[in-house]
Amino acid sequence: MHRQTTDDFIGVYGGYAERLLRLQAELIRVFDRHRRGNRQTVEVRHVHLHPGSQGVIGIVNQEKREGDHSK
């Protein structure tokens, strides 16, 4: 039990643990991006509209244009 508490042991296996946690976080981000279809969502909570300006309230979807091969 005492062997696991040495600085050398913590330095080596702590580095491995850190790498594994970073890899796990990256895999979760990639899987989530794949599941969403690599789309981005932006939420706006507060907007100032000045006199003479125009604004849209609601969900806005960009239509697919002819010749556009992206999803």
Protein backbone atom coordinates (compact mmCIF):
# COMPACT_ATOMS: atom_id res chain seq x y z
CA MET A 1 0.00 0.00 0.00
CA HIS A 2 2.86 2.36 0.78
CA ARG A 3 4.31 1.98 -2.73
CA GLN A 4 1.32 3.80 -4.28
CA THR A 5 1.92 6.97 -2.24
CA THR A 6 5.41 7.76 -3.51
CA ASP A 7 5.95 10.87 -5.63
CA ASP A 8 7.31 8.80 -8.54
CA PHE A 9 4.24 6.58 -8.61
CA ILE A 10 1.87 9.55 -8.43
CA GLY A 11 3.83 11.39 -11.14
CA VAL A 12 3.74 8.50 -13.61
CA TYR A 13 0.25 7.16 -13.05
CA GLY A 14 -1.23 10.59 -12.35
CA GLY A 15 -0.05 11.64 -15.83
CA TYR A 16 -1.71 8.55 -17.32
CA ALA A 17 -4.94 9.34 -15.49
CA GLU A 18 -4.88 12.94 -16.75
CA ARG A 19 -4.40 11.78 -20.35
CA LEU A 20 -7.26 9.29 -20.05
CA LEU A 21 -9.61 11.94 -18.63
CA ARG A 22 -8.72 14.36 -21.44
CA LEU A 23 -9.28 11.62 -24.03
CA GLN A 24 -12.63 10.75 -22.48
CA ALA A 25 -13.75 14.41 -22.57
CA GLU A 26 -12.67 14.72 -26.22
CA LEU A 27 -14.52 11.52 -27.18
CA ILE A 28 -17.68 12.81 -25.48
CA ARG A 29 -17.41 16.11 -27.40
CA VAL A 30 -16.89 14.27 -30.72
CA PHE A 31 -19.81 11.90 -30.06
CA ASP A 32 -22.09 14.81 -29.13
CA ARG A 33 -21.06 16.73 -32.27
CA HIS A 34 -21.73 13.61 -34.39
CA ARG A 35 -25.14 13.09 -32.78
CA ARG A 36 -26.15 16.73 -33.39
CA GLY A 37 -25.09 16.51 -37.02
CA ASN A 38 -22.28 19.04 -36.51
CA ARG A 39 -24.81 21.89 -36.20
CA GLN A 40 -24.37 24.88 -33.99
CA THR A 41 -27.10 26.42 -31.84
CA VAL A 42 -26.96 29.99 -30.61
CA GLU A 43 -29.29 31.24 -27.90
CA VAL A 44 -29.79 35.00 -27.55
CA ARG A 45 -31.36 36.14 -24.30
CA HIS A 46 -31.34 39.92 -24.58
CA VAL A 47 -31.46 42.19 -27.61
CA HIS A 48 -31.71 45.98 -27.96
CA LEU A 49 -33.81 47.21 -30.89
CA HIS A 50 -33.42 50.89 -31.65
CA PRO A 51 -36.04 53.06 -33.41
CA GLY A 52 -36.10 52.30 -37.14
CA SER A 53 -34.42 48.89 -36.77
CA GLN A 54 -35.96 45.49 -37.48
CA GLY A 55 -35.81 42.25 -35.54
CA VAL A 56 -37.06 38.67 -35.78
CA ILE A 57 -38.37 36.69 -32.82
CA GLY A 58 -38.49 32.91 -33.13
CA ILE A 59 -36.59 30.07 -34.72
CA VAL A 60 -34.82 30.91 -37.99
CA ASN A 61 -33.65 28.09 -40.26
CA GLN A 62 -31.42 28.76 -43.22
CA GLU A 63 -32.85 27.26 -46.40
CA LYS A 64 -30.62 24.99 -48.46
CA ARG A 65 -29.59 26.79 -51.65
CA GLU A 66 -29.22 25.17 -55.06
CA GLY A 67 -25.68 23.89 -55.52
CA ASP A 68 -25.08 23.83 -51.76
CA HIS A 69 -23.71 20.39 -50.89
CA SER A 70 -23.43 20.92 -47.14
CA LYS A 71 -25.95 19.45 -44.72
